[in-house]
PDB file of N, CA and C in Angstrom:
ATOM      1  N   MET A   1     -21.874  -0.313 -52.115  1.00  0.00           N
ATOM      2  CA  MET A   1     -21.327  -1.671 -52.047  1.00  0.00           C
ATOM      3  C   MET A   1     -19.974  -1.748 -52.761  1.00  0.00           C
ATOM      4  N   ALA A   2     -19.914  -1.113 -53.930  1.00  0.00           N
ATOM      5  CA  ALA A   2     -18.662  -1.124 -54.680  1.00  0.00           C
ATOM      6  C   ALA A   2     -17.585  -0.314 -53.937  1.00  0.00           C
ATOM      7  N   ILE A   3     -18.032   0.761 -53.257  1.00  0.00           N
ATOM      8  CA  ILE A   3     -17.082   1.613 -52.534  1.00  0.00           C
ATOM      9  C   ILE A   3     -16.454   0.831 -51.378  1.00  0.00           C
ATOM     10  N   SER A   4     -17.290   0.129 -50.614  1.00  0.00           N
ATOM     11  CA  SER A   4     -16.768  -0.602 -49.461  1.00  0.00           C
ATOM     12  C   SER A   4     -15.847  -1.733 -49.912  1.00  0.00           C
ATOM     13  N   ARG A   5     -16.141  -2.309 -51.077  1.00  0.00           N
ATOM     14  CA  ARG A   5     -15.304  -3.409 -51.565  1.00  0.00           C
ATOM     15  C   ARG A   5     -13.908  -2.890 -51.941  1.00  0.00           C
ATOM     16  N   SER A   6     -13.881  -1.745 -52.606  1.00  0.00           N
ATOM     17  CA  SER A   6     -12.578  -1.199 -52.999  1.00  0.00           C
ATOM     18  C   SER A   6     -11.803  -0.730 -51.765  1.00  0.00           C
ATOM     19  N   LEU A   7     -12.527  -0.202 -50.780  1.00  0.00           N
ATOM     20  CA  LEU A   7     -11.878   0.239 -49.547  1.00  0.00           C
ATOM     21  C   LEU A   7     -11.276  -0.966 -48.826  1.00  0.00           C
ATOM     22  N   GLY A   8     -12.042  -2.057 -48.763  1.00  0.00           N
ATOM     23  CA  GLY A   8     -11.543  -3.269 -48.115  1.00  0.00           C
ATOM     24  C   GLY A   8     -10.328  -3.818 -48.832  1.00  0.00           C
ATOM     25  N   GLY A   9     -10.353  -3.774 -50.169  1.00  0.00           N
ATOM     26  CA  GLY A   9      -9.214  -4.253 -50.936  1.00  0.00           C
ATOM     27  C   GLY A   9      -7.987  -3.402 -50.673  1.00  0.00           C
ATOM     28  N   ARG A  10      -8.200  -2.089 -50.547  1.00  0.00           N
ATOM     29  CA  ARG A  10      -7.071  -1.190 -50.300  1.00  0.00           C
ATOM     30  C   ARG A  10      -6.476  -1.466 -48.915  1.00  0.00           C
ATOM     31  N   LEU A  11      -7.361  -1.646 -47.916  1.00  0.00           N
ATOM     32  CA  LEU A  11      -6.862  -1.929 -46.568  1.00  0.00           C
ATOM     33  C   LEU A  11      -6.090  -3.241 -46.549  1.00  0.00           C
ATOM     34  N   GLN A  12      -6.597  -4.239 -47.278  1.00  0.00           N
ATOM     35  CA  GLN A  12      -5.934  -5.541 -47.293  1.00  0.00           C
ATOM     36  C   GLN A  12      -4.559  -5.424 -47.931  1.00  0.00           C
ATOM     37  N   SER A  13      -4.464  -4.672 -49.022  1.00  0.00           N
ATOM     38  CA  SER A  13      -3.164  -4.536 -49.687  1.00  0.00           C
ATOM     39  C   SER A  13      -2.198  -3.749 -48.802  1.00  0.00           C
ATOM     40  N   GLN A  14      -2.716  -2.796 -48.024  1.00  0.00           N
ATOM     41  CA  GLN A  14      -1.849  -2.061 -47.093  1.00  0.00           C
ATOM     42  C   GLN A  14      -1.325  -2.993 -46.007  1.00  0.00           C
ATOM     43  N   GLN A  15      -2.181  -3.885 -45.518  1.00  0.00           N
ATOM     44  CA  GLN A  15      -1.741  -4.839 -44.495  1.00  0.00           C
ATOM     45  C   GLN A  15      -0.657  -5.764 -45.054  1.00  0.00           C
ATOM     46  N   ILE A  16      -0.874  -6.226 -46.289  1.00  0.00           N
ATOM     47  CA  ILE A  16       0.117  -7.100 -46.920  1.00  0.00           C
ATOM     48  C   ILE A  16       1.429  -6.346 -47.100  1.00  0.00           C
ATOM     49  N   GLY A  17       1.344  -5.089 -47.515  1.00  0.00           N
ATOM     50  CA  GLY A  17       2.540  -4.273 -47.687  1.00  0.00           C
ATOM     51  C   GLY A  17       3.281  -4.099 -46.372  1.00  0.00           C
ATOM     52  N   ALA A  18       2.532  -3.872 -45.288  1.00  0.00           N
ATOM     53  CA  ALA A  18       3.154  -3.708 -43.973  1.00  0.00           C
ATOM     54  C   ALA A  18       3.824  -5.012 -43.547  1.00  0.00           C
ATOM     55  N   PHE A  19       3.182  -6.141 -43.848  1.00  0.00           N
ATOM     56  CA  PHE A  19       3.751  -7.434 -43.476  1.00  0.00           C
ATOM     57  C   PHE A  19       5.055  -7.668 -44.234  1.00  0.00           C
ATOM     58  N   GLN A  20       5.059  -7.374 -45.543  1.00  0.00           N
ATOM     59  CA  GLN A  20       6.274  -7.529 -46.338  1.00  0.00           C
ATOM     60  C   GLN A  20       7.374  -6.619 -45.803  1.00  0.00           C
ATOM     61  N   HIS A  21       6.989  -5.403 -45.406  1.00  0.00           N
ATOM     62  CA  HIS A  21       7.957  -4.440 -44.884  1.00  0.00           C
ATOM     63  C   HIS A  21       8.577  -4.969 -43.588  1.00  0.00           C
ATOM     64  N   GLN A  22       7.735  -5.533 -42.717  1.00  0.00           N
ATOM     65  CA  GLN A  22       8.241  -6.088 -41.452  1.00  0.00           C
ATOM     66  C   GLN A  22       9.230  -7.215 -41.705  1.00  0.00           C
ATOM     67  N   SER A  23       8.900  -8.103 -42.649  1.00  0.00           N
ATOM     68  CA  SER A  23       9.796  -9.231 -42.914  1.00  0.00           C
ATOM     69  C   SER A  23      11.101  -8.746 -43.541  1.00  0.00           C
ATOM     70  N   LEU A  24      11.016  -7.681 -44.354  1.00  0.00           N
ATOM     71  CA  LEU A  24      12.237  -7.105 -44.931  1.00  0.00           C
ATOM     72  C   LEU A  24      13.121  -6.538 -43.822  1.00  0.00           C
ATOM     73  N   ILE A  25      12.495  -5.811 -42.879  1.00  0.00           N
ATOM     74  CA  ILE A  25      13.249  -5.231 -41.760  1.00  0.00           C
ATOM     75  C   ILE A  25      13.871  -6.340 -40.922  1.00  0.00           C
ATOM     76  N   ARG A  26      13.100  -7.397 -40.698  1.00  0.00           N
ATOM     77  CA  ARG A  26      13.604  -8.497 -39.875  1.00  0.00           C
ATOM     78  C   ARG A  26      14.806  -9.157 -40.557  1.00  0.00           C
ATOM     79  N   ALA A  27      14.716  -9.369 -41.866  1.00  0.00           N
ATOM     80  CA  ALA A  27      15.820  -9.978 -42.604  1.00  0.00           C
ATOM     81  C   ALA A  27      17.041  -9.071 -42.554  1.00  0.00           C
ATOM     82  N   HIS A  28      16.812  -7.764 -42.664  1.00  0.00           N
ATOM     83  CA  HIS A  28      17.912  -6.810 -42.632  1.00  0.00           C
ATOM     84  C   HIS A  28      18.584  -6.814 -41.260  1.00  0.00           C
ATOM     85  N   LEU A  29      17.768  -6.874 -40.202  1.00  0.00           N
ATOM     86  CA  LEU A  29      18.326  -6.909 -38.855  1.00  0.00           C
ATOM     87  C   LEU A  29      19.119  -8.187 -38.632  1.00  0.00           C
ATOM     88  N   ASP A  30      18.598  -9.307 -39.129  1.00  0.00           N
ATOM     89  CA  ASP A  30      19.332 -10.564 -38.991  1.00  0.00           C
ATOM     90  C   ASP A  30      20.677 -10.476 -39.693  1.00  0.00           C
ATOM     91  N   GLU A  31      20.667  -9.854 -40.874  1.00  0.00           N
ATOM     92  CA  GLU A  31      21.907  -9.703 -41.633  1.00  0.00           C
ATOM     93  C   GLU A  31      22.895  -8.834 -40.856  1.00  0.00           C
ATOM     94  N   ASN A  32      22.393  -7.752 -40.271  1.00  0.00           N
ATOM     95  CA  ASN A  32      23.257  -6.859 -39.494  1.00  0.00           C
ATOM     96  C   ASN A  32      23.809  -7.573 -38.266  1.00  0.00           C
ATOM     97  N   ASN A  33      22.962  -8.352 -37.584  1.00  0.00           N
ATOM     98  CA  ASN A  33      23.419  -9.085 -36.402  1.00  0.00           C
ATOM     99  C   ASN A  33      24.506 -10.077 -36.774  1.00  0.00           C
ATOM    100  N   TYR A  34      24.323 -10.747 -37.898  1.00  0.00           N
ATOM    101  CA  TYR A  34      25.322 -11.725 -38.337  1.00  0.00           C
ATOM    102  C   TYR A  34      26.642 -11.022 -38.642  1.00  0.00           C
ATOM    103  N   THR A  35      26.549  -9.880 -39.336  1.00  0.00           N
ATOM    104  CA  THR A  35      27.763  -9.138 -39.690  1.00  0.00           C
ATOM    105  C   THR A  35      28.465  -8.637 -38.438  1.00  0.00           C
ATOM    106  N   LEU A  36      27.689  -8.106 -37.486  1.00  0.00           N
ATOM    107  CA  LEU A  36      28.272  -7.620 -36.234  1.00  0.00           C
ATOM    108  C   LEU A  36      28.969  -8.764 -35.495  1.00  0.00           C
ATOM    109  N   HIS A  37      28.297  -9.903 -35.399  1.00  0.00           N
ATOM    110  CA  HIS A  37      28.856 -11.047 -34.683  1.00  0.00           C
ATOM    111  C   HIS A  37      30.129 -11.519 -35.367  1.00  0.00           C
ATOM    112  N   HIS A  38      30.091 -11.568 -36.694  1.00  0.00           N
ATOM    113  CA  HIS A  38      31.258 -12.009 -37.458  1.00  0.00           C
ATOM    114  C   HIS A  38      32.435 -11.057 -37.236  1.00  0.00           C
ATOM    115  N   ASN A  39      32.137  -9.763 -37.272  1.00  0.00           N
ATOM    116  CA  ASN A  39      33.199  -8.770 -37.058  1.00  0.00           C
ATOM    117  C   ASN A  39      33.773  -8.886 -35.653  1.00  0.00           C
ATOM    118  N   LEU A  40      32.901  -9.101 -34.673  1.00  0.00           N
ATOM    119  CA  LEU A  40      33.386  -9.240 -33.297  1.00  0.00           C
ATOM    120  C   LEU A  40      34.286 -10.460 -33.164  1.00  0.00           C
ATOM    121  N   LEU A  41      33.912 -11.544 -33.834  1.00  0.00           N
ATOM    122  CA  LEU A  41      34.731 -12.747 -33.758  1.00  0.00           C
ATOM    123  C   LEU A  41      36.092 -12.525 -34.404  1.00  0.00           C
ATOM    124  N   GLU A  42      36.105 -11.725 -35.469  1.00  0.00           N
ATOM    125  CA  GLU A  42      37.376 -11.458 -36.138  1.00  0.00           C
ATOM    126  C   GLU A  42      38.249 -10.534 -35.294  1.00  0.00           C
ATOM    127  N   VAL A  43      37.621  -9.589 -34.597  1.00  0.00           N
ATOM    128  CA  VAL A  43      38.383  -8.561 -33.879  1.00  0.00           C
ATOM    129  C   VAL A  43      38.849  -9.061 -32.509  1.00  0.00           C
ATOM    130  N   ARG A  44      38.069  -9.912 -31.885  1.00  0.00           N
ATOM    131  CA  ARG A  44      38.306 -10.287 -30.491  1.00  0.00           C
ATOM    132  C   ARG A  44      39.709 -10.827 -30.212  1.00  0.00           C
ATOM    133  N   PRO A  45      40.281 -11.717 -31.026  1.00  0.00           N
ATOM    134  CA  PRO A  45      41.591 -12.277 -30.681  1.00  0.00           C
ATOM    135  C   PRO A  45      42.675 -11.224 -30.504  1.00  0.00           C
ATOM    136  N   GLN A  46      42.605 -10.119 -31.237  1.00  0.00           N
ATOM    137  CA  GLN A  46      43.622  -9.076 -31.122  1.00  0.00           C
ATOM    138  C   GLN A  46      43.611  -8.445 -29.731  1.00  0.00           C
ATOM    139  N   PHE A  47      42.416  -8.345 -29.132  1.00  0.00           N
ATOM    140  CA  PHE A  47      42.295  -7.666 -27.839  1.00  0.00           C
ATOM    141  C   PHE A  47      42.222  -8.647 -26.678  1.00  0.00           C
ATOM    142  N   SER A  48      42.308  -9.919 -26.962  1.00  0.00           N
ATOM    143  CA  SER A  48      42.191 -10.908 -25.905  1.00  0.00           C
ATOM    144  C   SER A  48      43.451 -10.912 -25.037  1.00  0.00           C
ATOM    145  N   PRO A  49      43.322 -10.696 -23.738  1.00  0.00           N
ATOM    146  CA  PRO A  49      44.499 -10.622 -22.860  1.00  0.00           C
ATOM    147  C   PRO A  49      45.112 -11.989 -22.595  1.00  0.00           C
ATOM    148  N   SER A  50      44.361 -13.066 -22.860  1.00  0.00           N
ATOM    149  CA  SER A  50      44.870 -14.388 -22.534  1.00  0.00           C
ATOM    150  C   SER A  50      45.895 -14.872 -23.548  1.00  0.00           C
ATOM    151  N   ARG A  51      45.933 -14.266 -24.738  1.00  0.00           N
ATOM    152  CA  ARG A  51      46.931 -14.662 -25.744  1.00  0.00           C
ATOM    153  C   ARG A  51      48.252 -13.935 -25.491  1.00  0.00           C
ATOM    154  N   ASN A  52      49.285 -14.694 -25.251  1.00  0.00           N
ATOM    155  CA  ASN A  52      50.603 -14.081 -24.979  1.00  0.00           C
ATOM    156  C   ASN A  52      51.538 -14.238 -26.181  1.00  0.00           C
TER     157      ASN A  52
END
């Protein structure tokens, strides 16, 4: 009984760890997307053919 309880606790903490990891990755990807978009907005006017 004690063994199964500790095993269940370990599995639960692993699930929580995986969830935290996913949210960290998601936040990192959002940050990268924002940076990419910002850089594209800064770079685009130089290459825009419509500006004479």
